[in-house]
């Protein structure tokens, strides 16, 4: 669990850095502070189980997509 959760945390840290530089992709996640890393881990794990097409690709984009499904930023929800 620790390795997976560390990877997820790293993806989120990197994405937040890109957002702060205004060069992040349009897929932005807004995770409530009350959400635990264990919850994020389960969300990502279930996403990978349901989406085997990501098995042969780099995991970072798929981690972001998994979290985006659950926690898109409010401004992106309105655009849909």
PDB file of N, CA and C in Angstrom:
ATOM      1  N   UNK A   1       0.808  -1.204   0.000  1.00  0.00           N
ATOM      2  CA  UNK A   1       0.000   0.000   0.000  1.00  0.00           C
ATOM      3  C   UNK A   1       0.851   1.267   0.000  1.00  0.00           C
ATOM      4  N   UNK A   2       1.914   1.260   0.749  1.00  0.00           N
ATOM      5  CA  UNK A   2       2.734   2.462   0.894  1.00  0.00           C
ATOM      6  C   UNK A   2       3.315   2.909  -0.447  1.00  0.00           C
ATOM      7  N   UNK A   3       3.771   1.972  -1.257  1.00  0.00           N
ATOM      8  CA  UNK A   3       4.347   2.335  -2.555  1.00  0.00           C
ATOM      9  C   UNK A   3       3.292   2.944  -3.472  1.00  0.00           C
ATOM     10  N   UNK A   4       2.117   2.340  -3.521  1.00  0.00           N
ATOM     11  CA  UNK A   4       1.038   2.870  -4.368  1.00  0.00           C
ATOM     12  C   UNK A   4       0.594   4.251  -3.887  1.00  0.00           C
ATOM     13  N   UNK A   5       0.441   4.395  -2.588  1.00  0.00           N
ATOM     14  CA  UNK A   5       0.000   5.673  -2.044  1.00  0.00           C
ATOM     15  C   UNK A   5       1.059   6.754  -2.248  1.00  0.00           C
ATOM     16  N   UNK A   6       2.308   6.378  -2.160  1.00  0.00           N
ATOM     17  CA  UNK A   6       3.383   7.338  -2.421  1.00  0.00           C
ATOM     18  C   UNK A   6       3.373   7.771  -3.888  1.00  0.00           C
ATOM     19  N   UNK A   7       3.098   6.835  -4.775  1.00  0.00           N
ATOM     20  CA  UNK A   7       3.017   7.158  -6.204  1.00  0.00           C
ATOM     21  C   UNK A   7       1.871   8.128  -6.457  1.00  0.00           C
ATOM     22  N   UNK A   8       0.711   7.848  -5.887  1.00  0.00           N
ATOM     23  CA  UNK A   8      -0.452   8.731  -6.029  1.00  0.00           C
ATOM     24  C   UNK A   8      -0.118  10.117  -5.498  1.00  0.00           C
ATOM     25  N   UNK A   9       0.493  10.183  -4.341  1.00  0.00           N
ATOM     26  CA  UNK A   9       0.870  11.474  -3.749  1.00  0.00           C
ATOM     27  C   UNK A   9       1.833  12.223  -4.669  1.00  0.00           C
ATOM     28  N   UNK A  10       2.768  11.511  -5.265  1.00  0.00           N
ATOM     29  CA  UNK A  10       3.714  12.132  -6.182  1.00  0.00           C
ATOM     30  C   UNK A  10       3.031  12.677  -7.431  1.00  0.00           C
ATOM     31  N   UNK A  11       2.090  11.927  -7.972  1.00  0.00           N
ATOM     32  CA  UNK A  11       1.329  12.398  -9.139  1.00  0.00           C
ATOM     33  C   UNK A  11       0.577  13.674  -8.784  1.00  0.00           C
ATOM     34  N   UNK A  12      -0.067  13.678  -7.631  1.00  0.00           N
ATOM     35  CA  UNK A  12      -0.811  14.863  -7.209  1.00  0.00           C
ATOM     36  C   UNK A  12       0.105  16.053  -6.951  1.00  0.00           C
ATOM     37  N   UNK A  13       1.234  15.813  -6.319  1.00  0.00           N
ATOM     38  CA  UNK A  13       2.194  16.900  -6.077  1.00  0.00           C
ATOM     39  C   UNK A  13       2.683  17.498  -7.397  1.00  0.00           C
ATOM     40  N   UNK A  14       3.028  16.642  -8.336  1.00  0.00           N
ATOM     41  CA  UNK A  14       3.523  17.127  -9.622  1.00  0.00           C
ATOM     42  C   UNK A  14       2.435  17.892 -10.368  1.00  0.00           C
ATOM     43  N   UNK A  15       1.225  17.360 -10.347  1.00  0.00           N
ATOM     44  CA  UNK A  15       0.122  18.041 -11.021  1.00  0.00           C
ATOM     45  C   UNK A  15      -0.146  19.409 -10.385  1.00  0.00           C
ATOM     46  N   UNK A  16      -0.112  19.468  -9.068  1.00  0.00           N
ATOM     47  CA  UNK A  16      -0.311  20.751  -8.390  1.00  0.00           C
ATOM     48  C   UNK A  16       0.792  21.747  -8.724  1.00  0.00           C
ATOM     49  N   UNK A  17       2.014  21.256  -8.877  1.00  0.00           N
ATOM     50  CA  UNK A  17       3.102  22.146  -9.275  1.00  0.00           C
ATOM     51  C   UNK A  17       2.846  22.696 -10.679  1.00  0.00           C
ATOM     52  N   UNK A  18       2.425  21.828 -11.605  1.00  0.00           N
ATOM     53  CA  UNK A  18       2.119  22.277 -12.956  1.00  0.00           C
ATOM     54  C   UNK A  18       0.972  23.288 -12.956  1.00  0.00           C
ATOM     55  N   UNK A  19      -0.023  23.049 -12.107  1.00  0.00           N
ATOM     56  CA  UNK A  19      -1.143  23.996 -12.001  1.00  0.00           C
ATOM     57  C   UNK A  19      -0.652  25.350 -11.508  1.00  0.00           C
ATOM     58  N   UNK A  20       0.240  25.347 -10.544  1.00  0.00           N
ATOM     59  CA  UNK A  20       0.744  26.615 -10.002  1.00  0.00           C
ATOM     60  C   UNK A  20       1.533  27.389 -11.050  1.00  0.00           C
ATOM     61  N   UNK A  21       2.108  26.673 -12.003  1.00  0.00           N
ATOM     62  CA  UNK A  21       2.857  27.311 -13.080  1.00  0.00           C
ATOM     63  C   UNK A  21       1.961  27.612 -14.289  1.00  0.00           C
ATOM     64  N   UNK A  22       0.687  27.243 -14.159  1.00  0.00           N
ATOM     65  CA  UNK A  22      -0.314  27.429 -15.220  1.00  0.00           C
ATOM     66  C   UNK A  22       0.038  26.682 -16.507  1.00  0.00           C
ATOM     67  N   UNK A  23       0.611  25.488 -16.348  1.00  0.00           N
ATOM     68  CA  UNK A  23       0.929  24.662 -17.518  1.00  0.00           C
ATOM     69  C   UNK A  23       0.357  23.248 -17.383  1.00  0.00           C
ATOM     70  N   UNK A  24      -0.560  23.063 -16.452  1.00  0.00           N
ATOM     71  CA  UNK A  24      -1.162  21.751 -16.250  1.00  0.00           C
ATOM     72  C   UNK A  24      -2.199  21.471 -17.333  1.00  0.00           C
ATOM     73  N   UNK A  25      -2.465  20.196 -17.595  1.00  0.00           N
ATOM     74  CA  UNK A  25      -3.530  19.864 -18.539  1.00  0.00           C
ATOM     75  C   UNK A  25      -4.881  20.321 -17.979  1.00  0.00           C
ATOM     76  N   UNK A  26      -5.880  20.321 -18.806  1.00  0.00           N
ATOM     77  CA  UNK A  26      -7.212  20.778 -18.401  1.00  0.00           C
ATOM     78  C   UNK A  26      -7.884  19.873 -17.371  1.00  0.00           C
ATOM     79  N   UNK A  27      -7.335  18.727 -17.146  1.00  0.00           N
ATOM     80  CA  UNK A  27      -7.907  17.807 -16.172  1.00  0.00           C
ATOM     81  C   UNK A  27      -7.367  18.165 -14.796  1.00  0.00           C
ATOM     82  N   UNK A  28      -8.192  18.829 -14.009  1.00  0.00           N
ATOM     83  CA  UNK A  28      -7.771  19.232 -12.667  1.00  0.00           C
ATOM     84  C   UNK A  28      -8.655  18.559 -11.631  1.00  0.00           C
ATOM     85  N   UNK A  29      -8.023  18.085 -10.592  1.00  0.00           N
ATOM     86  CA  UNK A  29      -8.753  17.439  -9.512  1.00  0.00           C
ATOM     87  C   UNK A  29      -8.742  18.339  -8.283  1.00  0.00           C
ATOM     88  N   UNK A  30      -9.842  18.326  -7.576  1.00  0.00           N
ATOM     89  CA  UNK A  30      -9.970  19.096  -6.336  1.00  0.00           C
ATOM     90  C   UNK A  30     -10.422  18.124  -5.251  1.00  0.00           C
ATOM     91  N   UNK A  31      -9.461  17.610  -4.536  1.00  0.00           N
ATOM     92  CA  UNK A  31      -9.733  16.588  -3.529  1.00  0.00           C
ATOM     93  C   UNK A  31      -9.964  17.268  -2.185  1.00  0.00           C
ATOM     94  N   UNK A  32     -11.107  16.982  -1.554  1.00  0.00           N
ATOM     95  CA  UNK A  32     -11.367  17.574  -0.236  1.00  0.00           C
ATOM     96  C   UNK A  32     -10.295  17.159   0.773  1.00  0.00           C
ATOM     97  N   UNK A  33      -9.984  18.053   1.682  1.00  0.00           N
ATOM     98  CA  UNK A  33      -8.944  17.780   2.676  1.00  0.00           C
ATOM     99  C   UNK A  33      -9.292  16.603   3.583  1.00  0.00           C
ATOM    100  N   UNK A  34     -10.555  16.276   3.680  1.00  0.00           N
ATOM    101  CA  UNK A  34     -10.989  15.183   4.566  1.00  0.00           C
ATOM    102  C   UNK A  34     -10.779  13.803   3.951  1.00  0.00           C
ATOM    103  N   UNK A  35     -10.468  13.746   2.665  1.00  0.00           N
ATOM    104  CA  UNK A  35     -10.266  12.467   1.991  1.00  0.00           C
ATOM    105  C   UNK A  35      -8.890  11.923   2.362  1.00  0.00           C
ATOM    106  N   UNK A  36      -8.859  10.656   2.757  1.00  0.00           N
ATOM    107  CA  UNK A  36      -7.601  10.038   3.172  1.00  0.00           C
ATOM    108  C   UNK A  36      -6.869   9.417   1.986  1.00  0.00           C
ATOM    109  N   UNK A  37      -5.602   9.171   2.167  1.00  0.00           N
ATOM    110  CA  UNK A  37      -4.816   8.505   1.138  1.00  0.00           C
ATOM    111  C   UNK A  37      -5.335   7.087   0.908  1.00  0.00           C
ATOM    112  N   UNK A  38      -5.855   6.443   1.950  1.00  0.00           N
ATOM    113  CA  UNK A  38      -6.447   5.109   1.774  1.00  0.00           C
ATOM    114  C   UNK A  38      -7.640   5.171   0.827  1.00  0.00           C
ATOM    115  N   UNK A  39      -8.462   6.209   0.947  1.00  0.00           N
ATOM    116  CA  UNK A  39      -9.608   6.367   0.049  1.00  0.00           C
ATOM    117  C   UNK A  39      -9.148   6.607  -1.385  1.00  0.00           C
ATOM    118  N   UNK A  40      -8.142   7.445  -1.550  1.00  0.00           N
ATOM    119  CA  UNK A  40      -7.618   7.703  -2.889  1.00  0.00           C
ATOM    120  C   UNK A  40      -7.043   6.432  -3.497  1.00  0.00           C
ATOM    121  N   UNK A  41      -6.358   5.669  -2.694  1.00  0.00           N
ATOM    122  CA  UNK A  41      -5.772   4.404  -3.142  1.00  0.00           C
ATOM    123  C   UNK A  41      -6.867   3.480  -3.670  1.00  0.00           C
ATOM    124  N   UNK A  42      -7.969   3.364  -2.949  1.00  0.00           N
ATOM    125  CA  UNK A  42      -9.070   2.488  -3.381  1.00  0.00           C
ATOM    126  C   UNK A  42      -9.708   2.989  -4.674  1.00  0.00           C
ATOM    127  N   UNK A  43      -9.865   4.298  -4.798  1.00  0.00           N
ATOM    128  CA  UNK A  43     -10.433   4.875  -6.022  1.00  0.00           C
ATOM    129  C   UNK A  43      -9.560   4.533  -7.223  1.00  0.00           C
ATOM    130  N   UNK A  44      -8.257   4.722  -7.071  1.00  0.00           N
ATOM    131  CA  UNK A  44      -7.325   4.440  -8.166  1.00  0.00           C
ATOM    132  C   UNK A  44      -7.296   2.946  -8.474  1.00  0.00           C
ATOM    133  N   UNK A  45      -7.249   2.117  -7.464  1.00  0.00           N
ATOM    134  CA  UNK A  45      -7.235   0.664  -7.664  1.00  0.00           C
ATOM    135  C   UNK A  45      -8.479   0.203  -8.425  1.00  0.00           C
ATOM    136  N   UNK A  46      -9.653   0.666  -8.007  1.00  0.00           N
ATOM    137  CA  UNK A  46     -10.900   0.284  -8.689  1.00  0.00           C
ATOM    138  C   UNK A  46     -10.905   0.784 -10.132  1.00  0.00           C
ATOM    139  N   UNK A  47     -10.375   1.980 -10.362  1.00  0.00           N
ATOM    140  CA  UNK A  47     -10.311   2.516 -11.717  1.00  0.00           C
ATOM    141  C   UNK A  47      -9.453   1.617 -12.607  1.00  0.00           C
ATOM    142  N   UNK A  48      -8.298   1.213 -12.107  1.00  0.00           N
ATOM    143  CA  UNK A  48      -7.427   0.339 -12.895  1.00  0.00           C
ATOM    144  C   UNK A  48      -8.071  -1.017 -13.142  1.00  0.00           C
ATOM    145  N   UNK A  49      -8.811  -1.526 -12.183  1.00  0.00           N
ATOM    146  CA  UNK A  49      -9.487  -2.807 -12.370  1.00  0.00           C
ATOM    147  C   UNK A  49     -10.572  -2.714 -13.447  1.00  0.00           C
ATOM    148  N   UNK A  50     -11.240  -1.562 -13.531  1.00  0.00           N
ATOM    149  CA  UNK A  50     -12.303  -1.365 -14.519  1.00  0.00           C
ATOM    150  C   UNK A  50     -11.767  -0.927 -15.882  1.00  0.00           C
ATOM    151  N   UNK A  51     -10.532  -0.482 -15.944  1.00  0.00           N
ATOM    152  CA  UNK A  51      -9.970   0.078 -17.174  1.00  0.00           C
ATOM    153  C   UNK A  51      -8.635  -0.578 -17.526  1.00  0.00           C
ATOM    154  N   UNK A  52      -8.666  -1.829 -17.953  1.00  0.00           N
ATOM    155  CA  UNK A  52      -7.418  -2.539 -18.242  1.00  0.00           C
ATOM    156  C   UNK A  52      -6.649  -1.969 -19.436  1.00  0.00           C
ATOM    157  N   UNK A  53      -7.263  -1.071 -20.192  1.00  0.00           N
ATOM    158  CA  UNK A  53      -6.554  -0.474 -21.322  1.00  0.00           C
ATOM    159  C   UNK A  53      -5.339   0.337 -20.860  1.00  0.00           C
ATOM    160  N   UNK A  54      -5.289   0.687 -19.589  1.00  0.00           N
ATOM    161  CA  UNK A  54      -4.159   1.456 -19.060  1.00  0.00           C
ATOM    162  C   UNK A  54      -2.986   0.581 -18.620  1.00  0.00           C
ATOM    163  N   UNK A  55      -3.155  -0.729 -18.678  1.00  0.00           N
ATOM    164  CA  UNK A  55      -2.121  -1.645 -18.181  1.00  0.00           C
ATOM    165  C   UNK A  55      -0.765  -1.466 -18.856  1.00  0.00           C
ATOM    166  N   UNK A  56      -0.744  -1.138 -20.119  1.00  0.00           N
ATOM    167  CA  UNK A  56       0.530  -1.064 -20.834  1.00  0.00           C
ATOM    168  C   UNK A  56       1.066   0.367 -20.961  1.00  0.00           C
ATOM    169  N   UNK A  57       0.426   1.315 -20.293  1.00  0.00           N
ATOM    170  CA  UNK A  57       0.857   2.713 -20.366  1.00  0.00           C
ATOM    171  C   UNK A  57       1.446   3.166 -19.043  1.00  0.00           C
ATOM    172  N   UNK A  58       2.039   4.333 -19.057  1.00  0.00           N
ATOM    173  CA  UNK A  58       2.534   4.955 -17.839  1.00  0.00           C
ATOM    174  C   UNK A  58       1.340   5.204 -16.926  1.00  0.00           C
ATOM    175  N   UNK A  59       1.489   4.942 -15.653  1.00  0.00           N
ATOM    176  CA  UNK A  59       0.357   5.001 -14.724  1.00  0.00           C
ATOM    177  C   UNK A  59      -0.083   6.415 -14.359  1.00  0.00           C
ATOM    178  N   UNK A  60       0.815   7.385 -14.400  1.00  0.00           N
ATOM    179  CA  UNK A  60       0.491   8.721 -13.897  1.00  0.00           C
ATOM    180  C   UNK A  60      -0.754   9.339 -14.532  1.00  0.00           C
ATOM    181  N   UNK A  61      -0.901   9.330 -15.862  1.00  0.00           N
ATOM    182  CA  UNK A  61      -2.112   9.919 -16.427  1.00  0.00           C
ATOM    183  C   UNK A  61      -3.387   9.188 -15.987  1.00  0.00           C
ATOM    184  N   UNK A  62      -3.305   7.877 -15.867  1.00  0.00           N
ATOM    185  CA  UNK A  62      -4.475   7.111 -15.447  1.00  0.00           C
ATOM    186  C   UNK A  62      -4.830   7.392 -13.990  1.00  0.00           C
ATOM    187  N   UNK A  63      -3.830   7.611 -13.144  1.00  0.00           N
ATOM    188  CA  UNK A  63      -4.096   7.987 -11.746  1.00  0.00           C
ATOM    189  C   UNK A  63      -4.883   9.287 -11.724  1.00  0.00           C
ATOM    190  N   UNK A  64      -4.450  10.235 -12.521  1.00  0.00           N
ATOM    191  CA  UNK A  64      -5.138  11.524 -12.574  1.00  0.00           C
ATOM    192  C   UNK A  64      -6.559  11.364 -13.108  1.00  0.00           C
ATOM    193  N   UNK A  65      -6.749  10.541 -14.128  1.00  0.00           N
ATOM    194  CA  UNK A  65      -8.086  10.308 -14.665  1.00  0.00           C
ATOM    195  C   UNK A  65      -8.993   9.649 -13.631  1.00  0.00           C
ATOM    196  N   UNK A  66      -8.455   8.713 -12.878  1.00  0.00           N
ATOM    197  CA  UNK A  66      -9.238   8.039 -11.836  1.00  0.00           C
ATOM    198  C   UNK A  66      -9.725   9.039 -10.797  1.00  0.00           C
ATOM    199  N   UNK A  67      -8.839   9.911 -10.374  1.00  0.00           N
ATOM    200  CA  UNK A  67      -9.206  10.895  -9.354  1.00  0.00           C
ATOM    201  C   UNK A  67     -10.112  11.977  -9.928  1.00  0.00           C
ATOM    202  N   UNK A  68      -9.931  12.294 -11.203  1.00  0.00           N
ATOM    203  CA  UNK A  68     -10.778  13.285 -11.862  1.00  0.00           C
ATOM    204  C   UNK A  68     -12.227  12.810 -11.949  1.00  0.00           C
ATOM    205  N   UNK A  69     -12.416  11.507 -12.177  1.00  0.00           N
ATOM    206  CA  UNK A  69     -13.779  10.951 -12.218  1.00  0.00           C
ATOM    207  C   UNK A  69     -14.524  11.225 -10.919  1.00  0.00           C
ATOM    208  N   UNK A  70     -13.826  11.143  -9.825  1.00  0.00           N
ATOM    209  CA  UNK A  70     -14.440  11.290  -8.506  1.00  0.00           C
ATOM    210  C   UNK A  70     -14.405  12.733  -8.004  1.00  0.00           C
ATOM    211  N   UNK A  71     -13.320  13.447  -8.292  1.00  0.00           N
ATOM    212  CA  UNK A  71     -13.118  14.792  -7.719  1.00  0.00           C
ATOM    213  C   UNK A  71     -12.740  15.847  -8.762  1.00  0.00           C
ATOM    214  N   UNK A  72     -13.581  16.060  -9.784  1.00  0.00           N
ATOM    215  CA  UNK A  72     -13.253  17.150 -10.710  1.00  0.00           C
ATOM    216  C   UNK A  72     -13.457  18.490 -10.000  1.00  0.00           C
ATOM    217  N   UNK A  73     -12.701  19.476 -10.389  1.00  0.00           N
ATOM    218  CA  UNK A  73     -12.873  20.803  -9.797  1.00  0.00           C
ATOM    219  C   UNK A  73     -14.240  21.362 -10.187  1.00  0.00           C
ATOM    220  N   UNK A  74     -14.815  22.180  -9.340  1.00  0.00           N
ATOM    221  CA  UNK A  74     -16.171  22.704  -9.532  1.00  0.00           C
ATOM    222  C   UNK A  74     -16.336  23.398 -10.873  1.00  0.00           C
ATOM    223  N   UNK A  75     -15.349  24.158 -11.313  1.00  0.00           N
ATOM    224  CA  UNK A  75     -15.469  24.866 -12.587  1.00  0.00           C
ATOM    225  C   UNK A  75     -15.551  23.894 -13.745  1.00  0.00           C
ATOM    226  N   UNK A  76     -14.916  22.748 -13.616  1.00  0.00           N
ATOM    227  CA  UNK A  76     -14.984  21.753 -14.695  1.00  0.00           C
ATOM    228  C   UNK A  76     -16.316  21.030 -14.678  1.00  0.00           C
ATOM    229  N   UNK A  77     -16.922  20.836 -13.514  1.00  0.00           N
ATOM    230  CA  UNK A  77     -18.227  20.200 -13.444  1.00  0.00           C
ATOM    231  C   UNK A  77     -19.252  21.024 -14.219  1.00  0.00           C
ATOM    232  N   UNK A  78     -19.164  22.340 -14.110  1.00  0.00           N
ATOM    233  CA  UNK A  78     -20.117  23.235 -14.761  1.00  0.00           C
ATOM    234  C   UNK A  78     -19.970  23.215 -16.280  1.00  0.00           C
ATOM    235  N   UNK A  79     -18.753  22.959 -16.774  1.00  0.00           N
ATOM    236  CA  UNK A  79     -18.501  22.949 -18.221  1.00  0.00           C
ATOM    237  C   UNK A  79     -19.107  21.739 -18.891  1.00  0.00           C
ATOM    238  N   UNK A  80     -19.343  20.658 -18.156  1.00  0.00           N
ATOM    239  CA  UNK A  80     -19.824  19.409 -18.748  1.00  0.00           C
ATOM    240  C   UNK A  80     -21.233  19.512 -19.253  1.00  0.00           C
TER     241      UNK A  80
END
